[in-house]
Amino acid sequence: MMENFSINSNRKDRLLNAQDIARILKVSKPQVYLMMRRGDFPVVKMGRLVRARESVIEDFIDRSTLAMDSGP
């Protein structure tokens, strides 16, 4: 009998491809690949495929968010 194994079903841990990430960040796919190569966020490599966890992208957005000064 096979056991039912499941990877964490938390939707925040979905693996996103460059197109998904580009859509979330509203940038181009080449920009996403540049960000991956620069190490802006950790990636999961599976052979030639490169993915990032959705939670990692949300953390990246949080780290990159700056508070605007209220001004005079």
Protein backbone atom coordinates (compact mmCIF):
# COMPACT_ATOMS: atom_id res chain seq x y z
CA MET A 1 0.00 0.00 0.00
CA MET A 2 1.36 3.44 -0.94
CA GLU A 3 1.40 6.15 1.67
CA ASN A 4 -0.09 9.51 0.79
CA PHE A 5 2.84 11.93 0.90
CA SER A 6 2.22 15.60 0.44
CA ILE A 7 4.54 18.52 0.31
CA ASN A 8 3.46 21.41 2.51
CA SER A 9 0.11 22.38 1.04
CA ASN A 10 0.50 26.00 2.13
CA ARG A 11 -0.19 28.04 -1.01
CA LYS A 12 2.56 30.47 0.02
CA ASP A 13 5.10 27.77 -0.78
CA ARG A 14 4.05 27.31 -4.39
CA LEU A 15 6.99 27.28 -6.79
CA LEU A 16 6.74 30.17 -9.24
CA ASN A 17 8.43 30.42 -12.62
CA ALA A 18 9.91 33.62 -14.08
CA GLN A 19 6.67 34.53 -15.83
CA ASP A 20 4.69 34.22 -12.58
CA ILE A 21 7.25 36.33 -10.72
CA ALA A 22 7.32 38.95 -13.49
CA ARG A 23 3.55 39.24 -13.27
CA ILE A 24 3.64 39.66 -9.48
CA LEU A 25 6.47 42.22 -9.53
CA LYS A 26 5.22 43.90 -12.72
CA VAL A 27 8.61 43.62 -14.41
CA SER A 28 9.84 41.80 -17.52
CA LYS A 29 10.97 38.16 -17.55
CA PRO A 30 14.57 39.20 -18.41
CA GLN A 31 14.52 41.45 -15.33
CA VAL A 32 13.41 38.49 -13.19
CA TYR A 33 16.27 36.34 -14.58
CA LEU A 34 18.71 39.17 -13.78
CA MET A 35 17.35 39.39 -10.23
CA MET A 36 17.74 35.60 -9.86
CA ARG A 37 21.36 35.71 -11.10
CA ARG A 38 22.13 38.64 -8.77
CA GLY A 39 20.78 36.64 -5.83
CA ASP A 40 18.03 39.12 -4.98
CA PHE A 41 16.03 36.15 -3.73
CA PRO A 42 16.84 32.45 -3.32
CA VAL A 43 15.80 30.07 -6.07
CA VAL A 44 15.19 26.36 -6.44
CA LYS A 45 17.09 24.81 -9.36
CA MET A 46 15.88 21.59 -10.95
CA GLY A 47 18.16 20.91 -13.88
CA ARG A 48 17.55 23.78 -16.30
CA LEU A 49 14.40 24.88 -14.49
CA VAL A 50 14.61 27.72 -11.98
CA ARG A 51 11.78 28.51 -9.59
CA ALA A 52 11.25 30.62 -6.48
CA ARG A 53 8.88 29.99 -3.61
CA GLU A 54 5.95 32.38 -3.42
CA SER A 55 6.80 33.12 0.22
CA VAL A 56 10.32 34.16 -0.83
CA ILE A 57 8.91 36.62 -3.36
CA GLU A 58 6.60 38.09 -0.70
CA ASP A 59 9.59 38.43 1.66
CA PHE A 60 11.55 40.15 -1.12
CA ILE A 61 8.70 42.63 -1.61
CA ASP A 62 8.56 43.28 2.15
CA ARG A 63 12.34 43.85 2.32
CA SER A 64 12.23 46.14 -0.71
CA THR A 65 9.34 48.26 0.53
CA LEU A 66 10.43 51.71 1.68
CA ALA A 67 8.40 54.15 3.70
CA MET A 68 7.90 57.45 1.92
CA ASP A 69 8.53 60.61 3.93
CA SER A 70 5.36 62.53 4.55
CA GLY A 71 7.10 65.71 3.35
CA PRO A 72 6.48 69.30 4.50
